């Protein structure tokens, strides 16, 4: 039972990324700890990185982590793993499930084949 992952819900992603950290340190004008005070500053500091460790103003890590999602905007499942006492020991967000990736690749292949067939018909 200890290694089983339990689906606890979903998260909606409209920014192509999610934040992992204490919600009191999210980007807000009244938060003095976060280095970015606006969404624009947050995006500028994130840049093109797929993951970023955010530091407190005192420069030590631990403020939070931002992670870009695999397919951008969407709805993604969240799972927890519990220890033998029922306490949550791990959490994961699945951005790309194998079946979903397989379906996308299959759809792309079908589109390519159909396009090739159309070219041959001309």
PDB file of N, CA and C in Angstrom:
ATOM      1  N   UNK A   1       0.824  -1.200   0.000  1.00  0.00           N
ATOM      2  CA  UNK A   1       0.000   0.000   0.000  1.00  0.00           C
ATOM      3  C   UNK A   1       0.863   1.256   0.000  1.00  0.00           C
ATOM      4  N   UNK A   2       2.026   1.198   0.619  1.00  0.00           N
ATOM      5  CA  UNK A   2       2.866   2.370   0.775  1.00  0.00           C
ATOM      6  C   UNK A   2       3.294   2.979  -0.559  1.00  0.00           C
ATOM      7  N   UNK A   3       3.472   2.177  -1.606  1.00  0.00           N
ATOM      8  CA  UNK A   3       3.959   2.692  -2.882  1.00  0.00           C
ATOM      9  C   UNK A   3       2.846   3.034  -3.863  1.00  0.00           C
ATOM     10  N   UNK A   4       1.585   2.894  -3.458  1.00  0.00           N
ATOM     11  CA  UNK A   4       0.472   3.198  -4.344  1.00  0.00           C
ATOM     12  C   UNK A   4       0.252   4.701  -4.437  1.00  0.00           C
ATOM     13  N   UNK A   5      -0.027   5.167  -5.649  1.00  0.00           N
ATOM     14  CA  UNK A   5      -0.347   6.574  -5.864  1.00  0.00           C
ATOM     15  C   UNK A   5      -1.859   6.712  -5.888  1.00  0.00           C
ATOM     16  N   UNK A   6      -2.378   7.669  -5.138  1.00  0.00           N
ATOM     17  CA  UNK A   6      -3.808   7.924  -5.023  1.00  0.00           C
ATOM     18  C   UNK A   6      -4.123   9.244  -5.713  1.00  0.00           C
ATOM     19  N   UNK A   7      -5.040   9.215  -6.675  1.00  0.00           N
ATOM     20  CA  UNK A   7      -5.438  10.455  -7.337  1.00  0.00           C
ATOM     21  C   UNK A   7      -6.293  11.257  -6.374  1.00  0.00           C
ATOM     22  N   UNK A   8      -5.890  12.521  -6.123  1.00  0.00           N
ATOM     23  CA  UNK A   8      -6.623  13.357  -5.168  1.00  0.00           C
ATOM     24  C   UNK A   8      -7.367  14.497  -5.834  1.00  0.00           C
ATOM     25  N   UNK A   9      -7.115  14.706  -7.121  1.00  0.00           N
ATOM     26  CA  UNK A   9      -7.799  15.791  -7.809  1.00  0.00           C
ATOM     27  C   UNK A   9      -7.080  16.184  -9.080  1.00  0.00           C
ATOM     28  N   UNK A  10      -7.394  17.376  -9.542  1.00  0.00           N
ATOM     29  CA  UNK A  10      -6.799  17.908 -10.766  1.00  0.00           C
ATOM     30  C   UNK A  10      -6.417  19.365 -10.533  1.00  0.00           C
ATOM     31  N   UNK A  11      -5.489  19.855 -11.351  1.00  0.00           N
ATOM     32  CA  UNK A  11      -5.207  21.288 -11.349  1.00  0.00           C
ATOM     33  C   UNK A  11      -5.424  21.807 -12.762  1.00  0.00           C
ATOM     34  N   UNK A  12      -5.972  23.000 -12.852  1.00  0.00           N
ATOM     35  CA  UNK A  12      -6.119  23.676 -14.134  1.00  0.00           C
ATOM     36  C   UNK A  12      -4.915  24.575 -14.355  1.00  0.00           C
ATOM     37  N   UNK A  13      -4.376  24.525 -15.553  1.00  0.00           N
ATOM     38  CA  UNK A  13      -3.206  25.330 -15.886  1.00  0.00           C
ATOM     39  C   UNK A  13      -3.556  26.243 -17.053  1.00  0.00           C
ATOM     40  N   UNK A  14      -3.511  27.545 -16.822  1.00  0.00           N
ATOM     41  CA  UNK A  14      -3.772  28.520 -17.877  1.00  0.00           C
ATOM     42  C   UNK A  14      -2.535  29.343 -18.216  1.00  0.00           C
ATOM     43  N   UNK A  15      -1.440  29.080 -17.509  1.00  0.00           N
ATOM     44  CA  UNK A  15      -0.214  29.833 -17.738  1.00  0.00           C
ATOM     45  C   UNK A  15       0.889  28.941 -18.295  1.00  0.00           C
ATOM     46  N   UNK A  16       0.567  27.673 -18.531  1.00  0.00           N
ATOM     47  CA  UNK A  16       1.570  26.748 -19.033  1.00  0.00           C
ATOM     48  C   UNK A  16       2.574  26.336 -17.972  1.00  0.00           C
ATOM     49  N   UNK A  17       2.300  26.639 -16.698  1.00  0.00           N
ATOM     50  CA  UNK A  17       3.200  26.248 -15.615  1.00  0.00           C
ATOM     51  C   UNK A  17       2.433  26.188 -14.307  1.00  0.00           C
ATOM     52  N   UNK A  18       3.049  25.552 -13.325  1.00  0.00           N
ATOM     53  CA  UNK A  18       2.456  25.553 -11.992  1.00  0.00           C
ATOM     54  C   UNK A  18       3.517  25.928 -10.968  1.00  0.00           C
ATOM     55  N   UNK A  19       3.052  26.318  -9.807  1.00  0.00           N
ATOM     56  CA  UNK A  19       3.904  26.767  -8.704  1.00  0.00           C
ATOM     57  C   UNK A  19       3.849  25.712  -7.605  1.00  0.00           C
ATOM     58  N   UNK A  20       4.987  25.365  -7.061  1.00  0.00           N
ATOM     59  CA  UNK A  20       5.057  24.458  -5.921  1.00  0.00           C
ATOM     60  C   UNK A  20       5.719  25.239  -4.790  1.00  0.00           C
ATOM     61  N   UNK A  21       4.963  25.504  -3.771  1.00  0.00           N
ATOM     62  CA  UNK A  21       5.484  26.272  -2.651  1.00  0.00           C
ATOM     63  C   UNK A  21       4.357  26.707  -1.741  1.00  0.00           C
ATOM     64  N   UNK A  22       4.704  27.354  -0.664  1.00  0.00           N
ATOM     65  CA  UNK A  22       3.735  27.848   0.289  1.00  0.00           C
ATOM     66  C   UNK A  22       2.910  28.952  -0.377  1.00  0.00           C
ATOM     67  N   UNK A  23       1.579  28.832  -0.371  1.00  0.00           N
ATOM     68  CA  UNK A  23       0.765  29.828  -1.065  1.00  0.00           C
ATOM     69  C   UNK A  23       0.908  31.241  -0.517  1.00  0.00           C
ATOM     70  N   UNK A  24       1.379  31.401   0.716  1.00  0.00           N
ATOM     71  CA  UNK A  24       1.530  32.762   1.234  1.00  0.00           C
ATOM     72  C   UNK A  24       2.684  33.494   0.550  1.00  0.00           C
ATOM     73  N   UNK A  25       3.506  32.761  -0.230  1.00  0.00           N
ATOM     74  CA  UNK A  25       4.613  33.392  -0.942  1.00  0.00           C
ATOM     75  C   UNK A  25       4.345  33.535  -2.439  1.00  0.00           C
ATOM     76  N   UNK A  26       3.095  33.354  -2.837  1.00  0.00           N
ATOM     77  CA  UNK A  26       2.760  33.535  -4.253  1.00  0.00           C
ATOM     78  C   UNK A  26       2.984  34.993  -4.641  1.00  0.00           C
ATOM     79  N   UNK A  27       3.010  35.218  -5.924  1.00  0.00           N
ATOM     80  CA  UNK A  27       3.270  36.566  -6.423  1.00  0.00           C
ATOM     81  C   UNK A  27       2.079  37.465  -6.115  1.00  0.00           C
ATOM     82  N   UNK A  28       2.234  38.308  -5.104  1.00  0.00           N
ATOM     83  CA  UNK A  28       1.209  39.274  -4.744  1.00  0.00           C
ATOM     84  C   UNK A  28       1.885  40.577  -4.351  1.00  0.00           C
ATOM     85  N   UNK A  29       1.221  41.705  -4.565  1.00  0.00           N
ATOM     86  CA  UNK A  29       1.825  42.999  -4.224  1.00  0.00           C
ATOM     87  C   UNK A  29       2.179  43.141  -2.741  1.00  0.00           C
ATOM     88  N   UNK A  30       1.449  42.432  -1.858  1.00  0.00           N
ATOM     89  CA  UNK A  30       1.715  42.589  -0.434  1.00  0.00           C
ATOM     90  C   UNK A  30       2.721  41.588   0.122  1.00  0.00           C
ATOM     91  N   UNK A  31       3.285  40.744  -0.732  1.00  0.00           N
ATOM     92  CA  UNK A  31       4.276  39.763  -0.287  1.00  0.00           C
ATOM     93  C   UNK A  31       5.679  40.357  -0.434  1.00  0.00           C
ATOM     94  N   UNK A  32       6.381  40.496   0.652  1.00  0.00           N
ATOM     95  CA  UNK A  32       7.715  41.081   0.611  1.00  0.00           C
ATOM     96  C   UNK A  32       8.807  40.062   0.319  1.00  0.00           C
ATOM     97  N   UNK A  33       8.485  38.764   0.367  1.00  0.00           N
ATOM     98  CA  UNK A  33       9.505  37.733   0.180  1.00  0.00           C
ATOM     99  C   UNK A  33       9.744  37.353  -1.275  1.00  0.00           C
ATOM    100  N   UNK A  34       8.722  37.444  -2.109  1.00  0.00           N
ATOM    101  CA  UNK A  34       8.884  37.007  -3.491  1.00  0.00           C
ATOM    102  C   UNK A  34       9.607  38.079  -4.306  1.00  0.00           C
ATOM    103  N   UNK A  35      10.612  37.665  -5.102  1.00  0.00           N
ATOM    104  CA  UNK A  35      11.369  38.640  -5.886  1.00  0.00           C
ATOM    105  C   UNK A  35      10.572  39.280  -7.020  1.00  0.00           C
ATOM    106  N   UNK A  36       9.471  38.669  -7.423  1.00  0.00           N
ATOM    107  CA  UNK A  36       8.627  39.227  -8.483  1.00  0.00           C
ATOM    108  C   UNK A  36       7.332  39.733  -7.852  1.00  0.00           C
ATOM    109  N   UNK A  37       6.998  40.963  -8.132  1.00  0.00           N
ATOM    110  CA  UNK A  37       5.785  41.549  -7.549  1.00  0.00           C
ATOM    111  C   UNK A  37       4.591  41.504  -8.491  1.00  0.00           C
ATOM    112  N   UNK A  38       4.835  41.266  -9.779  1.00  0.00           N
ATOM    113  CA  UNK A  38       3.749  41.202 -10.748  1.00  0.00           C
ATOM    114  C   UNK A  38       3.922  39.959 -11.608  1.00  0.00           C
ATOM    115  N   UNK A  39       2.866  39.612 -12.303  1.00  0.00           N
ATOM    116  CA  UNK A  39       2.925  38.459 -13.208  1.00  0.00           C
ATOM    117  C   UNK A  39       3.986  38.680 -14.285  1.00  0.00           C
ATOM    118  N   UNK A  40       4.070  39.885 -14.796  1.00  0.00           N
ATOM    119  CA  UNK A  40       5.049  40.217 -15.821  1.00  0.00           C
ATOM    120  C   UNK A  40       6.483  40.028 -15.303  1.00  0.00           C
ATOM    121  N   UNK A  41       6.748  40.477 -14.083  1.00  0.00           N
ATOM    122  CA  UNK A  41       8.078  40.286 -13.482  1.00  0.00           C
ATOM    123  C   UNK A  41       8.377  38.806 -13.282  1.00  0.00           C
ATOM    124  N   UNK A  42       7.370  38.051 -12.851  1.00  0.00           N
ATOM    125  CA  UNK A  42       7.528  36.612 -12.653  1.00  0.00           C
ATOM    126  C   UNK A  42       7.941  35.947 -13.966  1.00  0.00           C
ATOM    127  N   UNK A  43       7.225  36.244 -15.043  1.00  0.00           N
ATOM    128  CA  UNK A  43       7.531  35.654 -16.350  1.00  0.00           C
ATOM    129  C   UNK A  43       8.902  36.083 -16.849  1.00  0.00           C
ATOM    130  N   UNK A  44       9.259  37.351 -16.642  1.00  0.00           N
ATOM    131  CA  UNK A  44      10.578  37.839 -17.062  1.00  0.00           C
ATOM    132  C   UNK A  44      11.694  37.088 -16.333  1.00  0.00           C
ATOM    133  N   UNK A  45      11.526  36.864 -15.031  1.00  0.00           N
ATOM    134  CA  UNK A  45      12.558  36.170 -14.259  1.00  0.00           C
ATOM    135  C   UNK A  45      12.602  34.682 -14.585  1.00  0.00           C
ATOM    136  N   UNK A  46      11.465  34.108 -14.951  1.00  0.00           N
ATOM    137  CA  UNK A  46      11.428  32.688 -15.335  1.00  0.00           C
ATOM    138  C   UNK A  46      12.119  32.484 -16.670  1.00  0.00           C
ATOM    139  N   UNK A  47      11.912  33.404 -17.605  1.00  0.00           N
ATOM    140  CA  UNK A  47      12.525  33.294 -18.925  1.00  0.00           C
ATOM    141  C   UNK A  47      12.075  32.038 -19.653  1.00  0.00           C
ATOM    142  N   UNK A  48      12.994  31.373 -20.328  1.00  0.00           N
ATOM    143  CA  UNK A  48      12.682  30.170 -21.103  1.00  0.00           C
ATOM    144  C   UNK A  48      12.919  28.881 -20.319  1.00  0.00           C
ATOM    145  N   UNK A  49      13.256  29.000 -19.040  1.00  0.00           N
ATOM    146  CA  UNK A  49      13.542  27.812 -18.239  1.00  0.00           C
ATOM    147  C   UNK A  49      12.287  26.965 -18.067  1.00  0.00           C
ATOM    148  N   UNK A  50      12.449  25.625 -18.089  1.00  0.00           N
ATOM    149  CA  UNK A  50      11.304  24.744 -17.869  1.00  0.00           C
ATOM    150  C   UNK A  50      11.046  24.538 -16.382  1.00  0.00           C
ATOM    151  N   UNK A  51      12.090  24.712 -15.571  1.00  0.00           N
ATOM    152  CA  UNK A  51      11.945  24.670 -14.119  1.00  0.00           C
ATOM    153  C   UNK A  51      12.785  25.799 -13.526  1.00  0.00           C
ATOM    154  N   UNK A  52      12.362  26.271 -12.380  1.00  0.00           N
ATOM    155  CA  UNK A  52      13.147  27.331 -11.729  1.00  0.00           C
ATOM    156  C   UNK A  52      13.003  27.221 -10.220  1.00  0.00           C
ATOM    157  N   UNK A  53      14.129  27.196  -9.543  1.00  0.00           N
ATOM    158  CA  UNK A  53      14.162  27.301  -8.084  1.00  0.00           C
ATOM    159  C   UNK A  53      14.112  28.781  -7.740  1.00  0.00           C
ATOM    160  N   UNK A  54      13.128  29.183  -6.955  1.00  0.00           N
ATOM    161  CA  UNK A  54      13.002  30.572  -6.549  1.00  0.00           C
ATOM    162  C   UNK A  54      13.589  30.731  -5.158  1.00  0.00           C
ATOM    163  N   UNK A  55      14.350  31.802  -4.985  1.00  0.00           N
ATOM    164  CA  UNK A  55      14.993  32.076  -3.706  1.00  0.00           C
ATOM    165  C   UNK A  55      14.285  33.204  -2.975  1.00  0.00           C
ATOM    166  N   UNK A  56      14.419  33.198  -1.653  1.00  0.00           N
ATOM    167  CA  UNK A  56      13.937  34.311  -0.846  1.00  0.00           C
ATOM    168  C   UNK A  56      14.783  35.541  -1.157  1.00  0.00           C
ATOM    169  N   UNK A  57      14.324  36.695  -0.737  1.00  0.00           N
ATOM    170  CA  UNK A  57      15.097  37.923  -0.964  1.00  0.00           C
ATOM    171  C   UNK A  57      16.490  37.839  -0.360  1.00  0.00           C
ATOM    172  N   UNK A  58      16.645  37.060   0.715  1.00  0.00           N
ATOM    173  CA  UNK A  58      17.956  36.891   1.350  1.00  0.00           C
ATOM    174  C   UNK A  58      18.849  35.952   0.536  1.00  0.00           C
ATOM    175  N   UNK A  59      18.339  35.502  -0.623  1.00  0.00           N
ATOM    176  CA  UNK A  59      19.070  34.679  -1.603  1.00  0.00           C
ATOM    177  C   UNK A  59      19.187  33.204  -1.259  1.00  0.00           C
ATOM    178  N   UNK A  60      18.571  32.736  -0.175  1.00  0.00           N
ATOM    179  CA  UNK A  60      18.616  31.293   0.075  1.00  0.00           C
ATOM    180  C   UNK A  60      17.405  30.620  -0.570  1.00  0.00           C
ATOM    181  N   UNK A  61      17.595  29.371  -1.078  1.00  0.00           N
ATOM    182  CA  UNK A  61      16.510  28.679  -1.767  1.00  0.00           C
ATOM    183  C   UNK A  61      15.404  28.252  -0.812  1.00  0.00           C
ATOM    184  N   UNK A  62      14.276  27.910  -1.383  1.00  0.00           N
ATOM    185  CA  UNK A  62      13.171  27.389  -0.595  1.00  0.00           C
ATOM    186  C   UNK A  62      11.873  28.143  -0.758  1.00  0.00           C
ATOM    187  N   UNK A  63      11.899  29.276  -1.452  1.00  0.00           N
ATOM    188  CA  UNK A  63      10.683  30.060  -1.634  1.00  0.00           C
ATOM    189  C   UNK A  63       9.643  29.245  -2.413  1.00  0.00           C
ATOM    190  N   UNK A  64      10.097  28.570  -3.450  1.00  0.00           N
ATOM    191  CA  UNK A  64       9.194  27.769  -4.271  1.00  0.00           C
ATOM    192  C   UNK A  64       9.881  27.329  -5.536  1.00  0.00           C
ATOM    193  N   UNK A  65       9.152  26.554  -6.318  1.00  0.00           N
ATOM    194  CA  UNK A  65       9.652  26.046  -7.594  1.00  0.00           C
ATOM    195  C   UNK A  65       8.543  26.229  -8.620  1.00  0.00           C
ATOM    196  N   UNK A  66       8.899  26.710  -9.797  1.00  0.00           N
ATOM    197  CA  UNK A  66       7.927  26.759 -10.886  1.00  0.00           C
ATOM    198  C   UNK A  66       8.321  25.713 -11.920  1.00  0.00           C
ATOM    199  N   UNK A  67       7.301  25.091 -12.512  1.00  0.00           N
ATOM    200  CA  UNK A  67       7.495  24.000 -13.462  1.00  0.00           C
ATOM    201  C   UNK A  67       6.563  24.214 -14.644  1.00  0.00           C
ATOM    202  N   UNK A  68       7.133  24.214 -15.850  1.00  0.00           N
ATOM    203  CA  UNK A  68       6.285  24.305 -17.047  1.00  0.00           C
ATOM    204  C   UNK A  68       5.619  22.958 -17.283  1.00  0.00           C
ATOM    205  N   UNK A  69       4.368  23.012 -17.715  1.00  0.00           N
ATOM    206  CA  UNK A  69       3.635  21.780 -17.983  1.00  0.00           C
ATOM    207  C   UNK A  69       3.986  21.243 -19.369  1.00  0.00           C
ATOM    208  N   UNK A  70       3.838  19.950 -19.526  1.00  0.00           N
ATOM    209  CA  UNK A  70       4.254  19.281 -20.753  1.00  0.00           C
ATOM    210  C   UNK A  70       3.536  19.734 -22.014  1.00  0.00           C
ATOM    211  N   UNK A  71       2.229  19.957 -21.929  1.00  0.00           N
ATOM    212  CA  UNK A  71       1.461  20.359 -23.101  1.00  0.00           C
ATOM    213  C   UNK A  71       0.931  21.779 -22.981  1.00  0.00           C
ATOM    214  N   UNK A  72       1.433  22.544 -22.022  1.00  0.00           N
ATOM    215  CA  UNK A  72       0.946  23.906 -21.848  1.00  0.00           C
ATOM    216  C   UNK A  72      -0.336  23.934 -21.045  1.00  0.00           C
ATOM    217  N   UNK A  73      -1.282  24.761 -21.468  1.00  0.00           N
ATOM    218  CA  UNK A  73      -2.536  24.897 -20.747  1.00  0.00           C
ATOM    219  C   UNK A  73      -3.313  23.592 -20.775  1.00  0.00           C
ATOM    220  N   UNK A  74      -4.060  23.340 -19.720  1.00  0.00           N
ATOM    221  CA  UNK A  74      -4.867  22.128 -19.663  1.00  0.00           C
ATOM    222  C   UNK A  74      -5.241  21.790 -18.238  1.00  0.00           C
ATOM    223  N   UNK A  75      -5.730  20.575 -18.059  1.00  0.00           N
ATOM    224  CA  UNK A  75      -6.118  20.066 -16.756  1.00  0.00           C
ATOM    225  C   UNK A  75      -5.293  18.816 -16.508  1.00  0.00           C
ATOM    226  N   UNK A  76      -4.629  18.771 -15.346  1.00  0.00           N
ATOM    227  CA  UNK A  76      -3.676  17.705 -15.064  1.00  0.00           C
ATOM    228  C   UNK A  76      -3.983  17.031 -13.731  1.00  0.00           C
ATOM    229  N   UNK A  77      -3.861  15.688 -13.674  1.00  0.00           N
ATOM    230  CA  UNK A  77      -4.149  14.968 -12.440  1.00  0.00           C
ATOM    231  C   UNK A  77      -3.032  15.137 -11.399  1.00  0.00           C
ATOM    232  N   UNK A  78      -3.464  15.134 -10.136  1.00  0.00           N
ATOM    233  CA  UNK A  78      -2.548  15.249  -8.997  1.00  0.00           C
ATOM    234  C   UNK A  78      -2.703  13.987  -8.145  1.00  0.00           C
ATOM    235  N   UNK A  79      -1.562  13.410  -7.775  1.00  0.00           N
ATOM    236  CA  UNK A  79      -1.545  12.174  -6.997  1.00  0.00           C
ATOM    237  C   UNK A  79      -0.729  12.378  -5.730  1.00  0.00           C
ATOM    238  N   UNK A  80      -1.073  11.611  -4.679  1.00  0.00           N
ATOM    239  CA  UNK A  80      -0.256  11.564  -3.469  1.00  0.00           C
ATOM    240  C   UNK A  80       0.117  10.121  -3.176  1.00  0.00           C
ATOM    241  N   UNK A  81       1.203   9.997  -2.455  1.00  0.00           N
ATOM    242  CA  UNK A  81       1.668   8.702  -1.976  1.00  0.00           C
ATOM    243  C   UNK A  81       1.744   8.828  -0.459  1.00  0.00           C
ATOM    244  N   UNK A  82       1.202   7.858   0.251  1.00  0.00           N
ATOM    245  CA  UNK A  82       1.150   7.921   1.712  1.00  0.00           C
ATOM    246  C   UNK A  82       2.086   6.893   2.340  1.00  0.00           C
ATOM    247  N   UNK A  83       2.535   7.205   3.552  1.00  0.00           N
ATOM    248  CA  UNK A  83       3.329   6.217   4.283  1.00  0.00           C
ATOM    249  C   UNK A  83       2.374   5.246   4.970  1.00  0.00           C
ATOM    250  N   UNK A  84       2.918   4.296   5.712  1.00  0.00           N
ATOM    251  CA  UNK A  84       2.077   3.282   6.357  1.00  0.00           C
ATOM    252  C   UNK A  84       1.120   3.873   7.386  1.00  0.00           C
ATOM    253  N   UNK A  85       1.431   5.050   7.895  1.00  0.00           N
ATOM    254  CA  UNK A  85       0.561   5.715   8.854  1.00  0.00           C
ATOM    255  C   UNK A  85      -0.498   6.586   8.209  1.00  0.00           C
ATOM    256  N   UNK A  86      -0.508   6.671   6.866  1.00  0.00           N
ATOM    257  CA  UNK A  86      -1.500   7.470   6.156  1.00  0.00           C
ATOM    258  C   UNK A  86      -1.087   8.904   5.904  1.00  0.00           C
ATOM    259  N   UNK A  87       0.119   9.274   6.360  1.00  0.00           N
ATOM    260  CA  UNK A  87       0.589  10.638   6.127  1.00  0.00           C
ATOM    261  C   UNK A  87       1.089  10.785   4.693  1.00  0.00           C
ATOM    262  N   UNK A  88       0.859  11.931   4.104  1.00  0.00           N
ATOM    263  CA  UNK A  88       1.310  12.176   2.734  1.00  0.00           C
ATOM    264  C   UNK A  88       2.815  12.344   2.740  1.00  0.00           C
ATOM    265  N   UNK A  89       3.483  11.521   1.921  1.00  0.00           N
ATOM    266  CA  UNK A  89       4.942  11.616   1.840  1.00  0.00           C
ATOM    267  C   UNK A  89       5.414  12.128   0.495  1.00  0.00           C
ATOM    268  N   UNK A  90       4.583  12.049  -0.529  1.00  0.00           N
ATOM    269  CA  UNK A  90       4.966  12.525  -1.866  1.00  0.00           C
ATOM    270  C   UNK A  90       3.734  13.030  -2.591  1.00  0.00           C
ATOM    271  N   UNK A  91       3.972  13.956  -3.494  1.00  0.00           N
ATOM    272  CA  UNK A  91       2.915  14.457  -4.365  1.00  0.00           C
ATOM    273  C   UNK A  91       3.487  14.548  -5.774  1.00  0.00           C
ATOM    274  N   UNK A  92       2.655  14.281  -6.776  1.00  0.00           N
ATOM    275  CA  UNK A  92       3.109  14.444  -8.161  1.00  0.00           C
ATOM    276  C   UNK A  92       1.960  14.942  -9.018  1.00  0.00           C
ATOM    277  N   UNK A  93       2.337  15.711 -10.012  1.00  0.00           N
ATOM    278  CA  UNK A  93       1.408  16.196 -11.025  1.00  0.00           C
ATOM    279  C   UNK A  93       1.864  15.553 -12.329  1.00  0.00           C
ATOM    280  N   UNK A  94       0.948  14.921 -13.041  1.00  0.00           N
ATOM    281  CA  UNK A  94       1.298  14.252 -14.287  1.00  0.00           C
ATOM    282  C   UNK A  94       0.882  15.148 -15.449  1.00  0.00           C
ATOM    283  N   UNK A  95       1.895  15.698 -16.131  1.00  0.00           N
ATOM    284  CA  UNK A  95       1.620  16.583 -17.259  1.00  0.00           C
ATOM    285  C   UNK A  95       1.440  15.813 -18.562  1.00  0.00           C
ATOM    286  N   UNK A  96       2.138  14.705 -18.718  1.00  0.00           N
ATOM    287  CA  UNK A  96       2.003  13.888 -19.922  1.00  0.00           C
ATOM    288  C   UNK A  96       1.866  12.429 -19.499  1.00  0.00           C
ATOM    289  N   UNK A  97       0.710  11.885 -19.730  1.00  0.00           N
ATOM    290  CA  UNK A  97       0.517  10.468 -19.465  1.00  0.00           C
ATOM    291  C   UNK A  97       0.845   9.721 -20.738  1.00  0.00           C
ATOM    292  N   UNK A  98       1.363   8.530 -20.594  1.00  0.00           N
ATOM    293  CA  UNK A  98       1.806   7.760 -21.748  1.00  0.00           C
ATOM    294  C   UNK A  98       0.689   7.611 -22.776  1.00  0.00           C
ATOM    295  N   UNK A  99      -0.517   7.272 -22.342  1.00  0.00           N
ATOM    296  CA  UNK A  99      -1.632   7.092 -23.281  1.00  0.00           C
ATOM    297  C   UNK A  99      -1.923   8.379 -24.038  1.00  0.00           C
ATOM    298  N   UNK A 100      -1.853   9.510 -23.350  1.00  0.00           N
ATOM    299  CA  UNK A 100      -2.117  10.807 -23.971  1.00  0.00           C
ATOM    300  C   UNK A 100      -1.059  11.118 -25.027  1.00  0.00           C
ATOM    301  N   UNK A 101       0.199  10.861 -24.687  1.00  0.00           N
ATOM    302  CA  UNK A 101       1.292  11.098 -25.620  1.00  0.00           C
ATOM    303  C   UNK A 101       1.161  10.161 -26.813  1.00  0.00           C
ATOM    304  N   UNK A 102       0.834   8.913 -26.530  1.00  0.00           N
ATOM    305  CA  UNK A 102       0.663   7.929 -27.600  1.00  0.00           C
ATOM    306  C   UNK A 102      -0.464   8.354 -28.539  1.00  0.00           C
ATOM    307  N   UNK A 103      -1.583   8.836 -27.989  1.00  0.00           N
ATOM    308  CA  UNK A 103      -2.707   9.301 -28.810  1.00  0.00           C
ATOM    309  C   UNK A 103      -2.301  10.484 -29.681  1.00  0.00           C
ATOM    310  N   UNK A 104      -1.534  11.420 -29.111  1.00  0.00           N
ATOM    311  CA  UNK A 104      -1.103  12.592 -29.871  1.00  0.00           C
ATOM    312  C   UNK A 104      -0.185  12.184 -31.022  1.00  0.00           C
ATOM    313  N   UNK A 105       0.760  11.289 -30.746  1.00  0.00           N
ATOM    314  CA  UNK A 105       1.674  10.826 -31.792  1.00  0.00           C
ATOM    315  C   UNK A 105       0.918  10.072 -32.880  1.00  0.00           C
ATOM    316  N   UNK A 106      -0.028   9.243 -32.468  1.00  0.00           N
ATOM    317  CA  UNK A 106      -0.829   8.489 -33.430  1.00  0.00           C
ATOM    318  C   UNK A 106      -1.631   9.436 -34.317  1.00  0.00           C
ATOM    319  N   UNK A 107      -2.200  10.478 -33.736  1.00  0.00           N
ATOM    320  CA  UNK A 107      -2.966  11.462 -34.491  1.00  0.00           C
ATOM    321  C   UNK A 107      -2.067  12.200 -35.488  1.00  0.00           C
ATOM    322  N   UNK A 108      -0.851  12.558 -35.054  1.00  0.00           N
ATOM    323  CA  UNK A 108       0.087  13.235 -35.952  1.00  0.00           C
ATOM    324  C   UNK A 108       0.467  12.324 -37.113  1.00  0.00           C
ATOM    325  N   UNK A 109       0.689  11.039 -36.850  1.00  0.00           N
ATOM    326  CA  UNK A 109       1.033  10.089 -37.914  1.00  0.00           C
ATOM    327  C   UNK A 109      -0.121   9.929 -38.904  1.00  0.00           C
ATOM    328  N   UNK A 110      -1.337   9.851 -38.370  1.00  0.00           N
ATOM    329  CA  UNK A 110      -2.505   9.742 -39.247  1.00  0.00           C
ATOM    330  C   UNK A 110      -2.627  10.963 -40.145  1.00  0.00           C
ATOM    331  N   UNK A 111      -2.400  12.155 -39.588  1.00  0.00           N
ATOM    332  CA  UNK A 111      -2.460  13.389 -40.366  1.00  0.00           C
ATOM    333  C   UNK A 111      -1.400  13.388 -41.471  1.00  0.00           C
ATOM    334  N   UNK A 112      -0.186  12.947 -41.128  1.00  0.00           N
ATOM    335  CA  UNK A 112       0.891  12.893 -42.113  1.00  0.00           C
ATOM    336  C   UNK A 112       0.557  11.911 -43.231  1.00  0.00           C
ATOM    337  N   UNK A 113       0.051  10.737 -42.864  1.00  0.00           N
ATOM    338  CA  UNK A 113      -0.308   9.736 -43.882  1.00  0.00           C
ATOM    339  C   UNK A 113      -1.417  10.249 -44.786  1.00  0.00           C
ATOM    340  N   UNK A 114      -2.408  10.890 -44.190  1.00  0.00           N
ATOM    341  CA  UNK A 114      -3.519  11.424 -44.985  1.00  0.00           C
ATOM    342  C   UNK A 114      -3.001  12.504 -45.938  1.00  0.00           C
ATOM    343  N   UNK A 115      -2.095  13.342 -45.477  1.00  0.00           N
ATOM    344  CA  UNK A 115      -1.513  14.385 -46.307  1.00  0.00           C
ATOM    345  C   UNK A 115      -0.728  13.779 -47.467  1.00  0.00           C
ATOM    346  N   UNK A 116       0.046  12.729 -47.194  1.00  0.00           N
ATOM    347  CA  UNK A 116       0.803  12.048 -48.239  1.00  0.00           C
ATOM    348  C   UNK A 116      -0.116  11.415 -49.273  1.00  0.00           C
ATOM    349  N   UNK A 117      -1.217  10.814 -48.800  1.00  0.00           N
ATOM    350  CA  UNK A 117      -2.184  10.216 -49.703  1.00  0.00           C
ATOM    351  C   UNK A 117      -2.850  11.274 -50.582  1.00  0.00           C
ATOM    352  N   UNK A 118      -3.163  12.414 -49.972  1.00  0.00           N
ATOM    353  CA  UNK A 118      -3.751  13.518 -50.741  1.00  0.00           C
ATOM    354  C   UNK A 118      -2.780  13.998 -51.819  1.00  0.00           C
ATOM    355  N   UNK A 119      -1.494  14.092 -51.490  1.00  0.00           N
ATOM    356  CA  UNK A 119      -0.480  14.506 -52.460  1.00  0.00           C
ATOM    357  C   UNK A 119      -0.381  13.522 -53.617  1.00  0.00           C
ATOM    358  N   UNK A 120      -0.485  12.232 -53.306  1.00  0.00           N
ATOM    359  CA  UNK A 120      -0.390  11.189 -54.335  1.00  0.00           C
ATOM    360  C   UNK A 120      -1.626  11.222 -55.254  1.00  0.00           C
ATOM    361  N   UNK A 121      -2.773  11.589 -54.715  1.00  0.00           N
ATOM    362  CA  UNK A 121      -4.005  11.636 -55.492  1.00  0.00           C
ATOM    363  C   UNK A 121      -3.997  12.770 -56.510  1.00  0.00           C
ATOM    364  N   UNK A 122      -3.212  13.803 -56.210  1.00  0.00           N
ATOM    365  CA  UNK A 122      -3.146  14.958 -57.117  1.00  0.00           C
ATOM    366  C   UNK A 122      -2.337  14.595 -58.280  1.00  0.00           C
TER     367      UNK A 122
END
